[in-house]
Structures are given as C-alpha cells and as structure tokens.
C-alpha cells in the first residue's frame, strides 16, 4: 500500500487548514477487487481526494457519500457488488464485492 501514509498525511493537512474531511477504508473484499482491504481514500469537503478504494464508478460513489458524511458526521458502511458482465463498467476487474467504511475525520 504505497500511498497509505500520503492519504493520512493529506487528511491531516486538510483538517489543519480547517476543512471538512472524510476517510474511506476498504474493510472487506470478495472475489476480484482492484484494491485490497486496508486501502484508503481521503476526501476534502470540496470533492478533492487522494488515495484509492476501487476506481471507476465505485470510487465516485464513495466520494459523494463521503461529502454527505462530512456534513452529517454519521459514519456509514458502503457495500458494492456486481456481476461479471457489469464488472468492467464499474471498476471491478472480474466481478466481486467490496465493503468500504467511511467516517468523518474530527
């Protein structure tokens, strides 16, 4: 996980500037998933992000959810799964499932 430290450092830097920040972490994978459990994504309140939890449409959905979580403060466990035929469209190489925990950084 080559960028793990960079994700946490960037989240801390954004918080230090007074911005709202959320941290998304892959908690579980099943089947084919482009990022392993433990992969992280930090999201700035304006939608900027660093790191990766999946790619494709899934990563975009995580960023949108993270922005909501920054506002509400309520963490959420997101679940994504697709059939093999839909896999490439949403960024999972050969089908599979992932769970991503998203929380506000306070």
N, C-alpha and C. Protein backbone atom coordinates (compact mmCIF):
# COMPACT_ATOMS: atom_id res chain seq x y z
N UNK A 1 0.86 -1.18 0.00
CA UNK A 1 0.00 0.00 0.00
C UNK A 1 0.90 1.24 0.00
N UNK A 2 1.38 1.59 -1.16
CA UNK A 2 2.42 2.60 -1.28
C UNK A 2 1.99 4.00 -0.88
N UNK A 3 0.72 4.37 -1.00
CA UNK A 3 0.29 5.73 -0.72
C UNK A 3 -0.44 5.87 0.61
N UNK A 4 -0.43 4.82 1.44
CA UNK A 4 -1.17 4.86 2.70
C UNK A 4 -0.78 6.06 3.55
N UNK A 5 0.49 6.28 3.74
CA UNK A 5 0.94 7.41 4.56
C UNK A 5 0.54 8.74 3.93
N UNK A 6 0.62 8.83 2.63
CA UNK A 6 0.26 10.07 1.94
C UNK A 6 -1.22 10.41 2.16
N UNK A 7 -2.08 9.39 2.16
CA UNK A 7 -3.51 9.61 2.37
C UNK A 7 -3.75 10.20 3.76
N UNK A 8 -3.14 9.60 4.76
CA UNK A 8 -3.34 10.09 6.13
C UNK A 8 -2.71 11.46 6.33
N UNK A 9 -1.53 11.67 5.74
CA UNK A 9 -0.88 12.98 5.84
C UNK A 9 -1.72 14.06 5.19
N UNK A 10 -2.31 13.77 4.03
CA UNK A 10 -3.13 14.76 3.34
C UNK A 10 -4.40 15.05 4.13
N UNK A 11 -5.02 14.01 4.68
CA UNK A 11 -6.21 14.21 5.51
C UNK A 11 -5.89 15.13 6.69
N UNK A 12 -4.75 14.88 7.34
CA UNK A 12 -4.34 15.72 8.48
C UNK A 12 -4.07 17.16 8.03
N UNK A 13 -3.45 17.32 6.87
CA UNK A 13 -3.16 18.67 6.36
C UNK A 13 -4.46 19.43 6.08
N UNK A 14 -5.42 18.77 5.43
CA UNK A 14 -6.70 19.42 5.16
C UNK A 14 -7.42 19.81 6.45
N UNK A 15 -7.40 18.91 7.44
CA UNK A 15 -8.03 19.22 8.73
C UNK A 15 -7.32 20.39 9.38
N UNK A 16 -5.99 20.43 9.26
CA UNK A 16 -5.22 21.54 9.82
C UNK A 16 -5.57 22.87 9.21
N UNK A 17 -6.04 22.85 7.97
CA UNK A 17 -6.48 24.07 7.28
C UNK A 17 -7.92 24.43 7.64
N UNK A 18 -8.57 23.56 8.43
CA UNK A 18 -9.95 23.82 8.82
C UNK A 18 -11.01 23.23 7.92
N UNK A 19 -10.61 22.42 6.96
CA UNK A 19 -11.56 21.82 6.02
C UNK A 19 -12.21 20.58 6.62
N UNK A 20 -13.41 20.29 6.15
CA UNK A 20 -14.06 19.03 6.49
C UNK A 20 -13.42 17.91 5.70
N UNK A 21 -13.21 16.76 6.34
CA UNK A 21 -12.52 15.65 5.70
C UNK A 21 -13.18 14.35 6.12
N UNK A 22 -13.24 13.41 5.18
CA UNK A 22 -13.70 12.05 5.48
C UNK A 22 -12.61 11.07 5.03
N UNK A 23 -12.59 9.94 5.71
CA UNK A 23 -11.65 8.88 5.38
C UNK A 23 -12.44 7.62 5.05
N UNK A 24 -12.18 7.06 3.88
CA UNK A 24 -12.83 5.82 3.45
C UNK A 24 -11.79 4.70 3.49
N UNK A 25 -12.18 3.56 4.04
CA UNK A 25 -11.26 2.43 4.18
C UNK A 25 -11.94 1.15 3.69
N UNK A 26 -11.28 0.42 2.80
CA UNK A 26 -11.79 -0.87 2.36
C UNK A 26 -11.67 -1.83 3.54
N UNK A 27 -12.81 -2.40 3.96
CA UNK A 27 -12.79 -3.31 5.10
C UNK A 27 -12.82 -4.77 4.68
N UNK A 28 -13.49 -5.07 3.57
CA UNK A 28 -13.65 -6.45 3.13
C UNK A 28 -13.69 -6.49 1.61
N UNK A 29 -13.07 -7.52 1.04
CA UNK A 29 -13.21 -7.77 -0.40
C UNK A 29 -13.58 -9.24 -0.58
N UNK A 30 -14.28 -9.53 -1.66
CA UNK A 30 -14.61 -10.89 -2.03
C UNK A 30 -14.50 -10.99 -3.54
N UNK A 31 -13.88 -12.03 -4.02
CA UNK A 31 -13.69 -12.16 -5.47
C UNK A 31 -12.65 -11.16 -5.94
N UNK A 32 -12.83 -10.67 -7.12
CA UNK A 32 -11.87 -9.74 -7.70
C UNK A 32 -12.17 -8.32 -7.26
N UNK A 33 -11.19 -7.66 -6.71
CA UNK A 33 -11.30 -6.25 -6.33
C UNK A 33 -9.95 -5.59 -6.62
N UNK A 34 -9.95 -4.40 -7.21
CA UNK A 34 -8.69 -3.77 -7.59
C UNK A 34 -7.85 -3.27 -6.42
N UNK A 35 -8.44 -3.07 -5.25
CA UNK A 35 -7.69 -2.59 -4.09
C UNK A 35 -7.95 -3.53 -2.91
N UNK A 36 -6.92 -3.87 -2.15
CA UNK A 36 -7.08 -4.80 -1.03
C UNK A 36 -7.70 -4.13 0.20
N UNK A 37 -8.14 -4.96 1.13
CA UNK A 37 -8.62 -4.46 2.42
C UNK A 37 -7.51 -3.60 3.03
N UNK A 38 -7.91 -2.50 3.64
CA UNK A 38 -6.95 -1.56 4.23
C UNK A 38 -6.65 -0.37 3.33
N UNK A 39 -6.99 -0.46 2.05
CA UNK A 39 -6.77 0.67 1.14
C UNK A 39 -7.63 1.85 1.58
N UNK A 40 -7.09 3.07 1.43
CA UNK A 40 -7.81 4.24 1.92
C UNK A 40 -7.89 5.36 0.90
N UNK A 41 -8.90 6.20 1.13
CA UNK A 41 -9.16 7.37 0.31
C UNK A 41 -9.54 8.49 1.26
N UNK A 42 -8.87 9.64 1.18
CA UNK A 42 -9.24 10.81 1.97
C UNK A 42 -9.98 11.77 1.04
N UNK A 43 -11.07 12.33 1.55
CA UNK A 43 -11.92 13.22 0.74
C UNK A 43 -12.04 14.57 1.43
N UNK A 44 -11.74 15.61 0.68
CA UNK A 44 -11.90 17.00 1.14
C UNK A 44 -13.36 17.38 0.93
N UNK A 45 -13.86 18.31 1.72
CA UNK A 45 -15.26 18.72 1.61
C UNK A 45 -15.63 19.24 0.22
N UNK A 46 -14.66 19.74 -0.54
CA UNK A 46 -14.95 20.26 -1.88
C UNK A 46 -14.89 19.18 -2.96
N UNK A 47 -14.62 17.92 -2.56
CA UNK A 47 -14.62 16.82 -3.52
C UNK A 47 -13.24 16.36 -3.96
N UNK A 48 -12.20 17.11 -3.62
CA UNK A 48 -10.85 16.62 -3.93
C UNK A 48 -10.60 15.37 -3.13
N UNK A 49 -9.78 14.48 -3.67
CA UNK A 49 -9.45 13.28 -2.91
C UNK A 49 -8.06 12.79 -3.25
N UNK A 50 -7.53 11.96 -2.36
CA UNK A 50 -6.24 11.34 -2.55
C UNK A 50 -6.36 9.89 -2.08
N UNK A 51 -5.67 8.99 -2.77
CA UNK A 51 -5.75 7.57 -2.45
C UNK A 51 -6.73 6.87 -3.37
N UNK A 52 -7.05 5.61 -3.04
CA UNK A 52 -7.96 4.84 -3.88
C UNK A 52 -8.56 3.69 -3.08
N UNK A 53 -9.86 3.47 -3.30
CA UNK A 53 -10.53 2.32 -2.70
C UNK A 53 -11.04 1.35 -3.75
N UNK A 54 -11.09 1.77 -5.01
CA UNK A 54 -11.57 0.86 -6.05
C UNK A 54 -11.29 1.37 -7.45
N UNK A 55 -11.81 2.51 -7.78
CA UNK A 55 -11.73 3.02 -9.14
C UNK A 55 -13.11 3.02 -9.76
N UNK A 56 -13.20 3.57 -10.96
CA UNK A 56 -14.46 3.58 -11.69
C UNK A 56 -15.59 4.27 -10.94
N UNK A 57 -16.80 3.83 -11.20
CA UNK A 57 -18.00 4.42 -10.61
C UNK A 57 -18.04 4.25 -9.10
N UNK A 58 -17.45 3.18 -8.61
CA UNK A 58 -17.48 2.93 -7.16
C UNK A 58 -16.74 4.05 -6.43
N UNK A 59 -15.58 4.41 -6.91
CA UNK A 59 -14.82 5.46 -6.24
C UNK A 59 -15.58 6.78 -6.27
N UNK A 60 -16.22 7.09 -7.38
CA UNK A 60 -17.04 8.29 -7.47
C UNK A 60 -18.18 8.28 -6.46
N UNK A 61 -18.82 7.13 -6.29
CA UNK A 61 -19.91 6.99 -5.33
C UNK A 61 -19.41 7.17 -3.91
N UNK A 62 -18.21 6.66 -3.62
CA UNK A 62 -17.63 6.80 -2.28
C UNK A 62 -17.35 8.27 -2.00
N UNK A 63 -16.84 9.02 -2.96
CA UNK A 63 -16.56 10.44 -2.77
C UNK A 63 -17.85 11.20 -2.47
N UNK A 64 -18.92 10.92 -3.20
CA UNK A 64 -20.20 11.59 -2.96
C UNK A 64 -20.72 11.26 -1.55
N UNK A 65 -20.67 10.00 -1.18
CA UNK A 65 -21.11 9.61 0.17
C UNK A 65 -20.24 10.28 1.24
N UNK A 66 -18.94 10.34 0.99
CA UNK A 66 -18.03 10.97 1.95
C UNK A 66 -18.38 12.43 2.18
N UNK A 67 -18.75 13.14 1.12
CA UNK A 67 -19.14 14.55 1.28
C UNK A 67 -20.38 14.67 2.16
N UNK A 68 -21.34 13.75 2.02
CA UNK A 68 -22.52 13.75 2.88
C UNK A 68 -22.13 13.46 4.33
N UNK A 69 -21.21 12.53 4.52
CA UNK A 69 -20.77 12.13 5.85
C UNK A 69 -20.00 13.26 6.53
N UNK A 70 -19.25 14.04 5.77
CA UNK A 70 -18.57 15.21 6.33
C UNK A 70 -19.60 16.14 6.95
N UNK A 71 -20.72 16.31 6.27
CA UNK A 71 -21.78 17.20 6.78
C UNK A 71 -22.53 16.61 7.96
N UNK A 72 -22.90 15.35 7.86
CA UNK A 72 -23.75 14.73 8.89
C UNK A 72 -22.97 14.23 10.09
N UNK A 73 -21.73 13.80 9.88
CA UNK A 73 -20.94 13.22 10.96
C UNK A 73 -21.26 11.77 11.24
N UNK A 74 -22.25 11.21 10.53
CA UNK A 74 -22.66 9.82 10.76
C UNK A 74 -21.88 8.88 9.84
N UNK A 75 -21.02 8.01 10.40
CA UNK A 75 -20.26 7.08 9.56
C UNK A 75 -21.18 6.08 8.88
N UNK A 76 -20.68 5.48 7.81
CA UNK A 76 -21.50 4.54 7.05
C UNK A 76 -20.63 3.44 6.47
N UNK A 77 -21.17 2.23 6.43
CA UNK A 77 -20.52 1.11 5.76
C UNK A 77 -21.19 0.93 4.41
N UNK A 78 -20.44 1.14 3.34
CA UNK A 78 -20.97 1.03 1.98
C UNK A 78 -20.62 -0.34 1.42
N UNK A 79 -21.55 -0.93 0.70
CA UNK A 79 -21.32 -2.24 0.08
C UNK A 79 -21.54 -2.13 -1.42
N UNK A 80 -20.60 -2.68 -2.18
CA UNK A 80 -20.70 -2.68 -3.63
C UNK A 80 -20.43 -4.09 -4.14
N UNK A 81 -21.23 -4.54 -5.08
CA UNK A 81 -21.03 -5.84 -5.69
C UNK A 81 -21.66 -5.86 -7.06
N UNK A 82 -21.01 -6.55 -7.98
CA UNK A 82 -21.51 -6.59 -9.35
C UNK A 82 -21.30 -7.97 -9.96
N UNK A 83 -22.06 -8.23 -10.98
CA UNK A 83 -21.88 -9.47 -11.73
C UNK A 83 -20.67 -9.33 -12.64
N UNK A 84 -20.16 -10.44 -13.14
CA UNK A 84 -19.02 -10.39 -14.05
C UNK A 84 -19.30 -9.53 -15.27
N UNK A 85 -20.53 -9.58 -15.79
CA UNK A 85 -20.85 -8.82 -17.01
C UNK A 85 -20.84 -7.32 -16.77
N UNK A 86 -21.08 -6.86 -15.54
CA UNK A 86 -21.07 -5.43 -15.24
C UNK A 86 -19.74 -4.96 -14.67
N UNK A 87 -18.87 -5.89 -14.36
CA UNK A 87 -17.68 -5.59 -13.58
C UNK A 87 -16.82 -4.49 -14.18
N UNK A 88 -16.48 -4.57 -15.45
CA UNK A 88 -15.58 -3.58 -16.04
C UNK A 88 -16.19 -2.19 -16.05
N UNK A 89 -17.51 -2.11 -16.21
CA UNK A 89 -18.17 -0.81 -16.26
C UNK A 89 -18.01 -0.03 -14.97
N UNK A 90 -17.99 -0.72 -13.83
CA UNK A 90 -17.94 -0.02 -12.55
C UNK A 90 -16.57 -0.07 -11.88
N UNK A 91 -15.59 -0.70 -12.49
CA UNK A 91 -14.23 -0.66 -11.97
C UNK A 91 -13.80 -1.87 -11.17
N UNK A 92 -14.57 -2.95 -11.16
CA UNK A 92 -14.12 -4.20 -10.53
C UNK A 92 -13.73 -5.14 -11.66
N UNK A 93 -12.48 -5.55 -11.67
CA UNK A 93 -11.92 -6.25 -12.82
C UNK A 93 -12.69 -7.49 -13.27
N UNK A 94 -13.12 -8.34 -12.39
CA UNK A 94 -13.80 -9.59 -12.78
C UNK A 94 -14.97 -9.89 -11.85
N UNK A 95 -15.75 -8.93 -11.54
CA UNK A 95 -16.82 -9.14 -10.58
C UNK A 95 -16.23 -9.08 -9.18
N UNK A 96 -17.04 -9.24 -8.21
CA UNK A 96 -16.56 -9.20 -6.85
C UNK A 96 -17.38 -8.26 -6.01
N UNK A 97 -17.01 -8.19 -4.75
CA UNK A 97 -17.72 -7.34 -3.80
C UNK A 97 -16.69 -6.66 -2.90
N UNK A 98 -17.03 -5.43 -2.50
CA UNK A 98 -16.19 -4.73 -1.52
C UNK A 98 -17.09 -4.01 -0.52
N UNK A 99 -16.56 -3.85 0.68
CA UNK A 99 -17.21 -3.03 1.69
C UNK A 99 -16.23 -1.92 2.04
N UNK A 100 -16.77 -0.71 2.14
CA UNK A 100 -15.94 0.47 2.42
C UNK A 100 -16.57 1.23 3.59
N UNK A 101 -15.80 1.43 4.65
CA UNK A 101 -16.26 2.18 5.81
C UNK A 101 -15.83 3.62 5.62
N UNK A 102 -16.79 4.56 5.75
CA UNK A 102 -16.50 5.97 5.56
C UNK A 102 -16.84 6.72 6.84
N UNK A 103 -15.89 7.52 7.32
CA UNK A 103 -16.09 8.27 8.55
C UNK A 103 -15.52 9.67 8.42
N UNK A 104 -16.13 10.61 9.14
CA UNK A 104 -15.61 11.97 9.17
C UNK A 104 -14.37 12.01 10.06
N UNK A 105 -13.38 12.79 9.66
CA UNK A 105 -12.17 12.98 10.46
C UNK A 105 -12.38 14.22 11.31
N UNK A 106 -12.37 14.04 12.62
CA UNK A 106 -12.56 15.17 13.54
C UNK A 106 -11.29 15.53 14.25
